[in-house]
Each structure stands twice: as C-alpha cells, then as structure tokens.
Protein backbone atom coordinates (compact mmCIF):
# COMPACT_ATOMS: atom_id res chain seq x y z
CA UNK A 1 36.57 -6.85 99.78
CA UNK A 2 36.15 -10.22 98.18
CA UNK A 3 36.14 -10.52 94.36
CA UNK A 4 32.47 -11.44 94.21
CA UNK A 5 31.36 -8.28 96.07
CA UNK A 6 33.73 -6.17 94.00
CA UNK A 7 32.25 -7.57 90.78
CA UNK A 8 28.68 -6.79 91.98
CA UNK A 9 29.68 -3.25 92.99
CA UNK A 10 31.21 -2.59 89.57
CA UNK A 11 28.14 -4.02 87.84
CA UNK A 12 25.71 -1.95 89.96
CA UNK A 13 27.80 1.21 89.46
CA UNK A 14 27.92 0.68 85.69
CA UNK A 15 24.17 0.13 85.61
CA UNK A 16 23.50 3.37 87.52
CA UNK A 17 25.88 5.34 85.29
CA UNK A 18 24.29 3.83 82.15
CA UNK A 19 20.74 4.67 83.25
CA UNK A 20 21.81 8.22 84.14
CA UNK A 21 23.47 8.65 80.72
CA UNK A 22 20.40 7.39 78.86
CA UNK A 23 18.09 9.64 80.92
CA UNK A 24 20.24 12.72 80.32
CA UNK A 25 20.41 12.07 76.56
CA UNK A 26 16.65 11.56 76.46
CA UNK A 27 16.00 14.82 78.32
CA UNK A 28 18.42 16.68 76.04
CA UNK A 29 16.65 15.33 72.92
CA UNK A 30 13.22 16.26 74.27
CA UNK A 31 14.37 19.74 75.27
CA UNK A 32 15.79 20.50 71.82
CA UNK A 33 12.49 19.50 70.16
CA UNK A 34 10.25 21.43 72.54
CA UNK A 35 8.00 24.06 70.96
CA UNK A 36 6.35 26.37 73.45
CA UNK A 37 3.18 28.28 72.55
CA UNK A 38 3.22 32.07 72.92
CA UNK A 39 0.87 34.87 71.98
CA UNK A 40 2.23 38.05 70.38
CA UNK A 41 1.84 40.02 73.62
CA UNK A 42 3.69 37.30 75.56
CA UNK A 43 6.59 37.54 73.11
CA UNK A 44 6.70 41.34 73.45
CA UNK A 45 5.97 41.69 77.20
CA UNK A 46 6.62 38.22 78.67
CA UNK A 47 4.16 35.73 80.14
CA UNK A 48 1.66 37.29 82.55
CA UNK A 49 2.23 34.91 85.45
CA UNK A 50 6.01 34.45 85.23
CA UNK A 51 7.27 37.35 83.09
CA UNK A 52 9.33 34.89 81.03
CA UNK A 53 10.01 35.99 77.46
CA UNK A 54 11.36 33.74 74.72
CA UNK A 55 14.92 34.56 73.71
CA UNK A 56 16.32 34.95 70.20
CA UNK A 57 17.00 31.53 68.69
CA UNK A 58 14.21 29.73 70.56
CA UNK A 59 11.88 27.44 68.59
CA UNK A 60 8.34 28.53 69.41
CA UNK A 61 4.74 28.51 68.20
CA UNK A 62 2.82 31.75 67.98
CA UNK A 63 -0.93 32.08 67.62
CA UNK A 64 -3.11 35.08 66.90
CA UNK A 65 -4.87 36.98 64.15
CA UNK A 66 -3.23 38.15 60.92
CA UNK A 67 -3.21 41.96 60.96
CA UNK A 68 -5.22 43.56 58.14
CA UNK A 69 -2.99 45.13 55.47
CA UNK A 70 0.21 43.58 56.81
CA UNK A 71 0.70 40.84 54.20
CA UNK A 72 3.68 41.57 51.91
CA UNK A 73 4.56 39.13 49.12
CA UNK A 74 7.79 39.08 47.13
CA UNK A 75 6.71 38.88 43.45
CA UNK A 76 9.85 36.93 42.45
CA UNK A 77 9.79 34.24 45.15
CA UNK A 78 7.56 32.55 47.72
CA UNK A 79 8.82 34.85 50.50
CA UNK A 80 5.99 36.49 52.46
CA UNK A 81 5.81 38.48 55.65
CA UNK A 82 2.82 39.41 57.77
CA UNK A 83 2.04 40.64 61.25
CA UNK A 84 0.21 38.61 63.89
CA UNK A 85 -1.58 40.36 66.76
CA UNK A 86 -3.77 39.47 69.73
CA UNK A 87 -6.37 41.16 71.91
CA UNK A 88 -3.74 42.35 74.42
CA UNK A 89 -2.13 44.54 71.76
CA UNK A 90 1.08 42.63 71.06
CA UNK A 91 2.26 42.31 67.47
CA UNK A 92 4.94 40.08 65.91
CA UNK A 93 6.19 40.05 62.31
CA UNK A 94 6.33 36.59 60.75
CA UNK A 95 8.40 35.77 57.64
CA UNK A 96 7.80 32.58 55.67
CA UNK A 97 9.46 31.13 52.56
CA UNK A 98 6.92 28.61 51.35
CA UNK A 99 3.35 28.36 50.09
CA UNK A 100 0.77 29.66 52.53
CA UNK A 101 -2.27 27.48 53.28
CA UNK A 102 -5.29 27.99 51.02
CA UNK A 103 -7.39 29.29 53.94
CA UNK A 104 -4.80 31.91 54.95
CA UNK A 105 -6.41 35.38 54.99
CA UNK A 106 -5.82 38.71 56.67
CA UNK A 107 -8.03 39.05 59.72
CA UNK A 108 -8.13 35.27 60.26
CA UNK A 109 -6.58 33.13 62.98
CA UNK A 110 -3.18 31.60 62.35
CA UNK A 111 -0.61 29.49 64.18
CA UNK A 112 3.02 29.77 63.03
CA UNK A 113 5.90 27.60 64.16
CA UNK A 114 9.49 28.70 63.76
CA UNK A 115 12.55 30.36 65.25
CA UNK A 116 12.57 33.75 66.96
CA UNK A 117 15.15 35.79 65.01
CA UNK A 118 14.76 39.07 66.87
CA UNK A 119 12.48 40.87 69.31
CA UNK A 120 9.11 40.70 67.58
CA UNK A 121 10.43 38.74 64.57
CA UNK A 122 9.68 35.09 63.80
CA UNK A 123 11.06 33.10 60.88
CA UNK A 124 8.39 30.46 60.34
CA UNK A 125 8.96 26.90 59.19
CA UNK A 126 5.24 26.09 59.22
CA UNK A 127 2.08 28.20 59.03
CA UNK A 128 -1.35 26.79 59.86
CA UNK A 129 -4.61 28.62 59.13
CA UNK A 130 -7.83 27.87 60.94
CA UNK A 131 -10.05 25.65 58.84
CA UNK A 132 -13.42 27.35 59.22
CA UNK A 133 -15.05 30.33 60.88
CA UNK A 134 -16.30 28.37 63.90
CA UNK A 135 -13.17 26.58 65.09
CA UNK A 136 -10.22 28.14 66.87
CA UNK A 137 -7.55 26.24 68.82
CA UNK A 138 -8.19 26.62 72.57
CA UNK A 139 -4.83 28.36 73.13
CA UNK A 140 -5.55 30.94 70.42
CA UNK A 141 -9.15 31.42 71.60
CA UNK A 142 -7.93 32.04 75.14
CA UNK A 143 -5.28 34.47 73.91
CA UNK A 144 -7.81 36.34 71.79
CA UNK A 145 -10.30 36.53 74.65
CA UNK A 146 -12.93 34.45 72.90
CA UNK A 147 -15.00 31.66 74.39
CA UNK A 148 -14.14 28.33 72.83
CA UNK A 149 -17.45 26.52 72.44
CA UNK A 150 -18.26 23.12 71.08
CA UNK A 151 -20.21 23.24 67.83
CA UNK A 152 -23.81 22.07 68.14
CA UNK A 153 -25.38 20.12 65.27
CA UNK A 154 -29.01 19.33 64.64
CA UNK A 155 -30.09 15.73 64.17
CA UNK A 156 -30.66 16.49 60.47
CA UNK A 157 -27.05 17.72 60.08
CA UNK A 158 -25.76 14.65 61.92
CA UNK A 159 -27.70 12.43 59.49
CA UNK A 160 -25.97 14.13 56.56
CA UNK A 161 -28.87 16.26 55.39
C-alpha cells in the first residue's frame, strides 16, 4: 500500500471512529435526561400495551389526581407527602421537600417529576398543579378517561369584555 492511500485510510478510519464516539456520547446524555410519563396504574401494573413497568431509580413523570385526605405535611419542615391516583385504580405516594404550587389542592390534577424510590413511591423534584378547572394536560386527561376539549370563547370574551 502506498503512503498516500495509507494516510487516507487512517484519516477515514479516525473520522468514522470520531463520529461514532460523538454519537454514542450524545445518545448516553439524552438517555440519562429522559423523563417518561406514567400514570399511577402504569407504575403499579405496567403499561397496558407492553407491560413495561418503571424500575426503582428511574426518573419519571407521573400524572393523576391528588387523593382526598392523603396530604400529610411535616409541621417543622417543607416535607409533604400525598397520594396520586387515576381512573384505573392505581395509586402512588409522592414525597416532596419544597413549597407546593399555590393551586395545589386535594382532588385536583397534578404532574410530579422525580425518582422512583420504591414500588409505588416517588420522590419528587418538581410538582406542577393544573392552572384552572378547564385545562388538563392531554396525557393526564387520557389517563383519567376525560375528553380533552379546546376551550371555546365568545367574541365578547375574546375582545376582553
């Protein structure tokens, strides 16, 4: 093999190896930041179509309704725990160590993001409450068995009246 061909082969090989390394690092970074959405019944029983359940240590998002009477606050800290349920009957206990949103209420929709610490236990890093009685994220509405409908405004409401 002449030196010119050898040089091109080394250059092409290094380029292929470099692109493969960058692609694998990129996929690893995206995979570690991935948050999958689950409902409480999917966490307890697994997804309906695949049967896949999240494992302990996975970063996930959970959406459902806050169970009435399940909110427990620690009087000496910001630590709270509450249960989230859905229409299929699954229930997951969520713990959170920060201020809850102002619109957080029992019986209202909530989305919590965090780490699964046990079967049916989520340690949340973020809790989002729905902002009014008409809106619900499509994933939560589907999980709760509700029809997600676009809000209709009159011309007077659109004009600001």
